[in-house]
Amino acid sequence: MKNLIIALSLIFVAKFVWAQTAKEYTQTGRELIEKREYMEAILNLNKAIEVDPTYASAYYLRGNLKESFEDQHGAMKDYN
């Protein structure tokens, strides 16, 4: 039982030690946009927003992507 508790504690701590920040997810999104890997970029921007719903850069970049794919409504939601 003690080993199980230790293992679960390590997993819990590892999740927070290696968790990316919204800024890091957004930077990865930028890099993926440059490589024209748009769906992966959107997934990273979504994750950035999930991590920090107030991180404006992620919304802005995601809005730009949506606009480029003619999703005007989705883009406006992200811009606002």
PDB file of N, CA and C in Angstrom:
ATOM      1  N   MET A   1       0.827  -1.190   0.000  1.00  0.00           N
ATOM      2  CA  MET A   1       0.000   0.000   0.000  1.00  0.00           C
ATOM      3  C   MET A   1       0.874   1.257   0.000  1.00  0.00           C
ATOM      4  N   LYS A   2       1.961   1.192   0.779  1.00  0.00           N
ATOM      5  CA  LYS A   2       2.864   2.332   0.852  1.00  0.00           C
ATOM      6  C   LYS A   2       3.470   2.631  -0.519  1.00  0.00           C
ATOM      7  N   ASN A   3       3.838   1.586  -1.254  1.00  0.00           N
ATOM      8  CA  ASN A   3       4.410   1.760  -2.591  1.00  0.00           C
ATOM      9  C   ASN A   3       3.406   2.382  -3.553  1.00  0.00           C
ATOM     10  N   LEU A   4       2.156   2.002  -3.436  1.00  0.00           N
ATOM     11  CA  LEU A   4       1.107   2.565  -4.284  1.00  0.00           C
ATOM     12  C   LEU A   4       0.949   4.060  -4.012  1.00  0.00           C
ATOM     13  N   ILE A   5       0.952   4.439  -2.763  1.00  0.00           N
ATOM     14  CA  ILE A   5       0.824   5.850  -2.391  1.00  0.00           C
ATOM     15  C   ILE A   5       2.013   6.651  -2.913  1.00  0.00           C
ATOM     16  N   ILE A   6       3.197   6.088  -2.806  1.00  0.00           N
ATOM     17  CA  ILE A   6       4.396   6.763  -3.311  1.00  0.00           C
ATOM     18  C   ILE A   6       4.312   6.910  -4.831  1.00  0.00           C
ATOM     19  N   ALA A   7       3.913   5.865  -5.520  1.00  0.00           N
ATOM     20  CA  ALA A   7       3.809   5.915  -6.980  1.00  0.00           C
ATOM     21  C   ALA A   7       2.786   6.960  -7.419  1.00  0.00           C
ATOM     22  N   LEU A   8       1.633   6.981  -6.777  1.00  0.00           N
ATOM     23  CA  LEU A   8       0.611   7.969  -7.131  1.00  0.00           C
ATOM     24  C   LEU A   8       1.082   9.383  -6.833  1.00  0.00           C
ATOM     25  N   SER A   9       1.807   9.566  -5.759  1.00  0.00           N
ATOM     26  CA  SER A   9       2.349  10.887  -5.422  1.00  0.00           C
ATOM     27  C   SER A   9       3.334  11.352  -6.482  1.00  0.00           C
ATOM     28  N   LEU A  10       4.182  10.454  -6.936  1.00  0.00           N
ATOM     29  CA  LEU A  10       5.155  10.809  -7.973  1.00  0.00           C
ATOM     30  C   LEU A  10       4.471  11.183  -9.283  1.00  0.00           C
ATOM     31  N   ILE A  11       3.446  10.471  -9.644  1.00  0.00           N
ATOM     32  CA  ILE A  11       2.698  10.783 -10.861  1.00  0.00           C
ATOM     33  C   ILE A  11       2.054  12.161 -10.738  1.00  0.00           C
ATOM     34  N   PHE A  12       1.463  12.440  -9.596  1.00  0.00           N
ATOM     35  CA  PHE A  12       0.814  13.723  -9.347  1.00  0.00           C
ATOM     36  C   PHE A  12       1.824  14.863  -9.445  1.00  0.00           C
ATOM     37  N   VAL A  13       2.972  14.716  -8.824  1.00  0.00           N
ATOM     38  CA  VAL A  13       4.012  15.745  -8.851  1.00  0.00           C
ATOM     39  C   VAL A  13       4.557  15.904 -10.265  1.00  0.00           C
ATOM     40  N   ALA A  14       4.786  14.817 -10.962  1.00  0.00           N
ATOM     41  CA  ALA A  14       5.329  14.872 -12.314  1.00  0.00           C
ATOM     42  C   ALA A  14       4.415  15.645 -13.254  1.00  0.00           C
ATOM     43  N   LYS A  15       3.123  15.503 -13.078  1.00  0.00           N
ATOM     44  CA  LYS A  15       2.170  16.220 -13.933  1.00  0.00           C
ATOM     45  C   LYS A  15       2.387  17.720 -13.830  1.00  0.00           C
ATOM     46  N   PHE A  16       2.646  18.223 -12.636  1.00  0.00           N
ATOM     47  CA  PHE A  16       2.825  19.649 -12.449  1.00  0.00           C
ATOM     48  C   PHE A  16       4.228  20.122 -12.807  1.00  0.00           C
ATOM     49  N   VAL A  17       5.210  19.268 -12.653  1.00  0.00           N
ATOM     50  CA  VAL A  17       6.575  19.646 -12.984  1.00  0.00           C
ATOM     51  C   VAL A  17       6.739  19.790 -14.487  1.00  0.00           C
ATOM     52  N   TRP A  18       6.134  18.900 -15.262  1.00  0.00           N
ATOM     53  CA  TRP A  18       6.304  18.901 -16.705  1.00  0.00           C
ATOM     54  C   TRP A  18       5.160  19.559 -17.463  1.00  0.00           C
ATOM     55  N   ALA A  19       4.203  20.128 -16.768  1.00  0.00           N
ATOM     56  CA  ALA A  19       3.082  20.777 -17.427  1.00  0.00           C
ATOM     57  C   ALA A  19       3.567  22.038 -18.133  1.00  0.00           C
ATOM     58  N   GLN A  20       3.066  22.228 -19.340  1.00  0.00           N
ATOM     59  CA  GLN A  20       3.433  23.415 -20.093  1.00  0.00           C
ATOM     60  C   GLN A  20       2.574  24.598 -19.675  1.00  0.00           C
ATOM     61  N   THR A  21       3.109  25.777 -19.860  1.00  0.00           N
ATOM     62  CA  THR A  21       2.353  26.990 -19.592  1.00  0.00           C
ATOM     63  C   THR A  21       1.594  27.402 -20.844  1.00  0.00           C
ATOM     64  N   ALA A  22       0.660  28.328 -20.672  1.00  0.00           N
ATOM     65  CA  ALA A  22      -0.091  28.849 -21.813  1.00  0.00           C
ATOM     66  C   ALA A  22       0.859  29.492 -22.822  1.00  0.00           C
ATOM     67  N   LYS A  23       1.864  30.178 -22.324  1.00  0.00           N
ATOM     68  CA  LYS A  23       2.838  30.829 -23.206  1.00  0.00           C
ATOM     69  C   LYS A  23       3.591  29.790 -24.046  1.00  0.00           C
ATOM     70  N   GLU A  24       3.957  28.672 -23.428  1.00  0.00           N
ATOM     71  CA  GLU A  24       4.675  27.621 -24.155  1.00  0.00           C
ATOM     72  C   GLU A  24       3.786  26.967 -25.210  1.00  0.00           C
ATOM     73  N   TYR A  25       2.526  26.687 -24.859  1.00  0.00           N
ATOM     74  CA  TYR A  25       1.612  26.119 -25.848  1.00  0.00           C
ATOM     75  C   TYR A  25       1.394  27.085 -27.011  1.00  0.00           C
ATOM     76  N   THR A  26       1.303  28.376 -26.696  1.00  0.00           N
ATOM     77  CA  THR A  26       1.106  29.378 -27.743  1.00  0.00           C
ATOM     78  C   THR A  26       2.329  29.460 -28.642  1.00  0.00           C
ATOM     79  N   GLN A  27       3.512  29.407 -28.061  1.00  0.00           N
ATOM     80  CA  GLN A  27       4.738  29.423 -28.867  1.00  0.00           C
ATOM     81  C   GLN A  27       4.805  28.207 -29.782  1.00  0.00           C
ATOM     82  N   THR A  28       4.438  27.050 -29.260  1.00  0.00           N
ATOM     83  CA  THR A  28       4.392  25.850 -30.102  1.00  0.00           C
ATOM     84  C   THR A  28       3.380  26.046 -31.220  1.00  0.00           C
ATOM     85  N   GLY A  29       2.237  26.655 -30.897  1.00  0.00           N
ATOM     86  CA  GLY A  29       1.231  26.956 -31.919  1.00  0.00           C
ATOM     87  C   GLY A  29       1.793  27.842 -33.011  1.00  0.00           C
ATOM     88  N   ARG A  30       2.542  28.880 -32.631  1.00  0.00           N
ATOM     89  CA  ARG A  30       3.185  29.771 -33.622  1.00  0.00           C
ATOM     90  C   ARG A  30       4.124  28.987 -34.539  1.00  0.00           C
ATOM     91  N   GLU A  31       4.931  28.136 -33.934  1.00  0.00           N
ATOM     92  CA  GLU A  31       5.878  27.339 -34.720  1.00  0.00           C
ATOM     93  C   GLU A  31       5.150  26.418 -35.693  1.00  0.00           C
ATOM     94  N   LEU A  32       4.045  25.841 -35.244  1.00  0.00           N
ATOM     95  CA  LEU A  32       3.272  24.955 -36.118  1.00  0.00           C
ATOM     96  C   LEU A  32       2.601  25.735 -37.248  1.00  0.00           C
ATOM     97  N   ILE A  33       2.180  26.955 -36.975  1.00  0.00           N
ATOM     98  CA  ILE A  33       1.600  27.799 -38.030  1.00  0.00           C
ATOM     99  C   ILE A  33       2.652  28.062 -39.103  1.00  0.00           C
ATOM    100  N   GLU A  34       3.879  28.363 -38.691  1.00  0.00           N
ATOM    101  CA  GLU A  34       4.959  28.596 -39.648  1.00  0.00           C
ATOM    102  C   GLU A  34       5.211  27.366 -40.511  1.00  0.00           C
ATOM    103  N   LYS A  35       5.000  26.185 -39.948  1.00  0.00           N
ATOM    104  CA  LYS A  35       5.187  24.929 -40.689  1.00  0.00           C
ATOM    105  C   LYS A  35       3.933  24.542 -41.472  1.00  0.00           C
ATOM    106  N   ARG A  36       2.887  25.379 -41.366  1.00  0.00           N
ATOM    107  CA  ARG A  36       1.586  25.138 -42.018  1.00  0.00           C
ATOM    108  C   ARG A  36       0.894  23.880 -41.502  1.00  0.00           C
ATOM    109  N   GLU A  37       1.128  23.568 -40.243  1.00  0.00           N
ATOM    110  CA  GLU A  37       0.454  22.451 -39.570  1.00  0.00           C
ATOM    111  C   GLU A  37      -0.666  23.049 -38.715  1.00  0.00           C
ATOM    112  N   TYR A  38      -1.703  23.498 -39.416  1.00  0.00           N
ATOM    113  CA  TYR A  38      -2.734  24.322 -38.797  1.00  0.00           C
ATOM    114  C   TYR A  38      -3.588  23.599 -37.759  1.00  0.00           C
ATOM    115  N   MET A  39      -3.944  22.372 -38.017  1.00  0.00           N
ATOM    116  CA  MET A  39      -4.782  21.653 -37.045  1.00  0.00           C
ATOM    117  C   MET A  39      -4.024  21.420 -35.744  1.00  0.00           C
ATOM    118  N   GLU A  40      -2.759  21.067 -35.840  1.00  0.00           N
ATOM    119  CA  GLU A  40      -1.940  20.889 -34.637  1.00  0.00           C
ATOM    120  C   GLU A  40      -1.758  22.222 -33.916  1.00  0.00           C
ATOM    121  N   ALA A  41      -1.640  23.300 -34.685  1.00  0.00           N
ATOM    122  CA  ALA A  41      -1.511  24.624 -34.081  1.00  0.00           C
ATOM    123  C   ALA A  41      -2.761  24.968 -33.285  1.00  0.00           C
ATOM    124  N   ILE A  42      -3.923  24.704 -33.867  1.00  0.00           N
ATOM    125  CA  ILE A  42      -5.180  24.995 -33.159  1.00  0.00           C
ATOM    126  C   ILE A  42      -5.278  24.164 -31.888  1.00  0.00           C
ATOM    127  N   LEU A  43      -4.872  22.913 -31.939  1.00  0.00           N
ATOM    128  CA  LEU A  43      -4.906  22.081 -30.738  1.00  0.00           C
ATOM    129  C   LEU A  43      -4.025  22.659 -29.636  1.00  0.00           C
ATOM    130  N   ASN A  44      -2.855  23.165 -30.004  1.00  0.00           N
ATOM    131  CA  ASN A  44      -1.960  23.771 -29.011  1.00  0.00           C
ATOM    132  C   ASN A  44      -2.541  25.078 -28.475  1.00  0.00           C
ATOM    133  N   LEU A  45      -3.161  25.863 -29.330  1.00  0.00           N
ATOM    134  CA  LEU A  45      -3.778  27.106 -28.879  1.00  0.00           C
ATOM    135  C   LEU A  45      -4.971  26.816 -27.973  1.00  0.00           C
ATOM    136  N   ASN A  46      -5.729  25.779 -28.317  1.00  0.00           N
ATOM    137  CA  ASN A  46      -6.836  25.363 -27.439  1.00  0.00           C
ATOM    138  C   ASN A  46      -6.303  24.985 -26.059  1.00  0.00           C
ATOM    139  N   LYS A  47      -5.192  24.270 -26.034  1.00  0.00           N
ATOM    140  CA  LYS A  47      -4.599  23.852 -24.764  1.00  0.00           C
ATOM    141  C   LYS A  47      -4.097  25.066 -23.978  1.00  0.00           C
ATOM    142  N   ALA A  48      -3.526  26.041 -24.679  1.00  0.00           N
ATOM    143  CA  ALA A  48      -3.065  27.268 -24.020  1.00  0.00           C
ATOM    144  C   ALA A  48      -4.234  27.975 -23.342  1.00  0.00           C
ATOM    145  N   ILE A  49      -5.359  28.036 -24.036  1.00  0.00           N
ATOM    146  CA  ILE A  49      -6.547  28.693 -23.493  1.00  0.00           C
ATOM    147  C   ILE A  49      -7.117  27.890 -22.331  1.00  0.00           C
ATOM    148  N   GLU A  50      -7.033  26.582 -22.424  1.00  0.00           N
ATOM    149  CA  GLU A  50      -7.490  25.723 -21.321  1.00  0.00           C
ATOM    150  C   GLU A  50      -6.644  25.958 -20.068  1.00  0.00           C
ATOM    151  N   VAL A  51      -5.333  26.076 -20.261  1.00  0.00           N
ATOM    152  CA  VAL A  51      -4.418  26.292 -19.143  1.00  0.00           C
ATOM    153  C   VAL A  51      -4.626  27.680 -18.535  1.00  0.00           C
ATOM    154  N   ASP A  52      -4.794  28.698 -19.405  1.00  0.00           N
ATOM    155  CA  ASP A  52      -4.986  30.068 -18.929  1.00  0.00           C
ATOM    156  C   ASP A  52      -6.019  30.768 -19.800  1.00  0.00           C
ATOM    157  N   PRO A  53      -7.282  30.763 -19.384  1.00  0.00           N
ATOM    158  CA  PRO A  53      -8.352  31.365 -20.179  1.00  0.00           C
ATOM    159  C   PRO A  53      -8.217  32.876 -20.382  1.00  0.00           C
ATOM    160  N   THR A  54      -7.260  33.514 -19.730  1.00  0.00           N
ATOM    161  CA  THR A  54      -7.067  34.952 -19.895  1.00  0.00           C
ATOM    162  C   THR A  54      -5.889  35.288 -20.809  1.00  0.00           C
ATOM    163  N   TYR A  55      -5.248  34.294 -21.394  1.00  0.00           N
ATOM    164  CA  TYR A  55      -4.053  34.522 -22.211  1.00  0.00           C
ATOM    165  C   TYR A  55      -4.456  34.975 -23.612  1.00  0.00           C
ATOM    166  N   ALA A  56      -4.435  36.280 -23.821  1.00  0.00           N
ATOM    167  CA  ALA A  56      -4.972  36.906 -25.039  1.00  0.00           C
ATOM    168  C   ALA A  56      -4.249  36.472 -26.315  1.00  0.00           C
ATOM    169  N   SER A  57      -2.955  36.249 -26.261  1.00  0.00           N
ATOM    170  CA  SER A  57      -2.201  35.886 -27.469  1.00  0.00           C
ATOM    171  C   SER A  57      -2.726  34.608 -28.111  1.00  0.00           C
ATOM    172  N   ALA A  58      -3.113  33.654 -27.288  1.00  0.00           N
ATOM    173  CA  ALA A  58      -3.633  32.387 -27.821  1.00  0.00           C
ATOM    174  C   ALA A  58      -4.956  32.624 -28.551  1.00  0.00           C
ATOM    175  N   TYR A  59      -5.823  33.438 -27.971  1.00  0.00           N
ATOM    176  CA  TYR A  59      -7.095  33.763 -28.628  1.00  0.00           C
ATOM    177  C   TYR A  59      -6.851  34.482 -29.953  1.00  0.00           C
ATOM    178  N   TYR A  60      -5.916  35.425 -29.943  1.00  0.00           N
ATOM    179  CA  TYR A  60      -5.624  36.206 -31.138  1.00  0.00           C
ATOM    180  C   TYR A  60      -5.117  35.312 -32.273  1.00  0.00           C
ATOM    181  N   LEU A  61      -4.156  34.452 -31.966  1.00  0.00           N
ATOM    182  CA  LEU A  61      -3.620  33.555 -32.995  1.00  0.00           C
ATOM    183  C   LEU A  61      -4.679  32.578 -33.491  1.00  0.00           C
ATOM    184  N   ARG A  62      -5.477  32.043 -32.562  1.00  0.00           N
ATOM    185  CA  ARG A  62      -6.534  31.113 -32.970  1.00  0.00           C
ATOM    186  C   ARG A  62      -7.565  31.847 -33.828  1.00  0.00           C
ATOM    187  N   GLY A  63      -7.876  33.075 -33.470  1.00  0.00           N
ATOM    188  CA  GLY A  63      -8.790  33.876 -34.280  1.00  0.00           C
ATOM    189  C   GLY A  63      -8.261  34.096 -35.687  1.00  0.00           C
ATOM    190  N   ASN A  64      -6.975  34.377 -35.792  1.00  0.00           N
ATOM    191  CA  ASN A  64      -6.361  34.547 -37.114  1.00  0.00           C
ATOM    192  C   ASN A  64      -6.487  33.283 -37.955  1.00  0.00           C
ATOM    193  N   LEU A  65      -6.245  32.144 -37.325  1.00  0.00           N
ATOM    194  CA  LEU A  65      -6.381  30.875 -38.053  1.00  0.00           C
ATOM    195  C   LEU A  65      -7.815  30.649 -38.503  1.00  0.00           C
ATOM    196  N   LYS A  66      -8.754  30.892 -37.591  1.00  0.00           N
ATOM    197  CA  LYS A  66     -10.162  30.700 -37.949  1.00  0.00           C
ATOM    198  C   LYS A  66     -10.562  31.626 -39.097  1.00  0.00           C
ATOM    199  N   GLU A  67     -10.075  32.852 -39.038  1.00  0.00           N
ATOM    200  CA  GLU A  67     -10.400  33.809 -40.102  1.00  0.00           C
ATOM    201  C   GLU A  67      -9.818  33.364 -41.435  1.00  0.00           C
ATOM    202  N   SER A  68      -8.614  32.825 -41.413  1.00  0.00           N
ATOM    203  CA  SER A  68      -7.991  32.372 -42.656  1.00  0.00           C
ATOM    204  C   SER A  68      -8.739  31.188 -43.265  1.00  0.00           C
ATOM    205  N   PHE A  69      -9.482  30.465 -42.430  1.00  0.00           N
ATOM    206  CA  PHE A  69     -10.299  29.354 -42.925  1.00  0.00           C
ATOM    207  C   PHE A  69     -11.764  29.754 -43.067  1.00  0.00           C
ATOM    208  N   GLU A  70     -11.970  31.081 -43.142  1.00  0.00           N
ATOM    209  CA  GLU A  70     -13.289  31.674 -43.382  1.00  0.00           C
ATOM    210  C   GLU A  70     -14.320  31.335 -42.308  1.00  0.00           C
ATOM    211  N   ASP A  71     -13.868  31.164 -41.098  1.00  0.00           N
ATOM    212  CA  ASP A  71     -14.762  30.996 -39.950  1.00  0.00           C
ATOM    213  C   ASP A  71     -14.843  32.358 -39.260  1.00  0.00           C
ATOM    214  N   GLN A  72     -15.567  33.283 -39.887  1.00  0.00           N
ATOM    215  CA  GLN A  72     -15.642  34.646 -39.385  1.00  0.00           C
ATOM    216  C   GLN A  72     -16.265  34.711 -37.990  1.00  0.00           C
ATOM    217  N   HIS A  73     -17.310  33.926 -37.788  1.00  0.00           N
ATOM    218  CA  HIS A  73     -17.992  33.930 -36.486  1.00  0.00           C
ATOM    219  C   HIS A  73     -17.043  33.439 -35.383  1.00  0.00           C
ATOM    220  N   GLY A  74     -16.361  32.343 -35.639  1.00  0.00           N
ATOM    221  CA  GLY A  74     -15.421  31.813 -34.662  1.00  0.00           C
ATOM    222  C   GLY A  74     -14.275  32.770 -34.403  1.00  0.00           C
ATOM    223  N   ALA A  75     -13.797  33.424 -35.470  1.00  0.00           N
ATOM    224  CA  ALA A  75     -12.713  34.398 -35.321  1.00  0.00           C
ATOM    225  C   ALA A  75     -13.164  35.567 -34.446  1.00  0.00           C
ATOM    226  N   MET A  76     -14.352  36.080 -34.693  1.00  0.00           N
ATOM    227  CA  MET A  76     -14.844  37.215 -33.915  1.00  0.00           C
ATOM    228  C   MET A  76     -15.002  36.837 -32.436  1.00  0.00           C
ATOM    229  N   LYS A  77     -15.445  35.608 -32.164  1.00  0.00           N
ATOM    230  CA  LYS A  77     -15.554  35.165 -30.774  1.00  0.00           C
ATOM    231  C   LYS A  77     -14.184  35.168 -30.107  1.00  0.00           C
ATOM    232  N   ASP A  78     -13.168  34.716 -30.826  1.00  0.00           N
ATOM    233  CA  ASP A  78     -11.814  34.704 -30.256  1.00  0.00           C
ATOM    234  C   ASP A  78     -11.272  36.115 -30.088  1.00  0.00           C
ATOM    235  N   TYR A  79     -11.522  37.001 -31.038  1.00  0.00           N
ATOM    236  CA  TYR A  79     -11.043  38.363 -30.930  1.00  0.00           C
ATOM    237  C   TYR A  79     -11.704  39.117 -29.770  1.00  0.00           C
ATOM    238  N   ASN A  80     -12.953  38.773 -29.504  1.00  0.00           N
ATOM    239  CA  ASN A  80     -13.653  39.441 -28.411  1.00  0.00           C
ATOM    240  C   ASN A  80     -13.300  38.806 -27.092  1.00  0.00           C
TER     241      ASN A  80
END
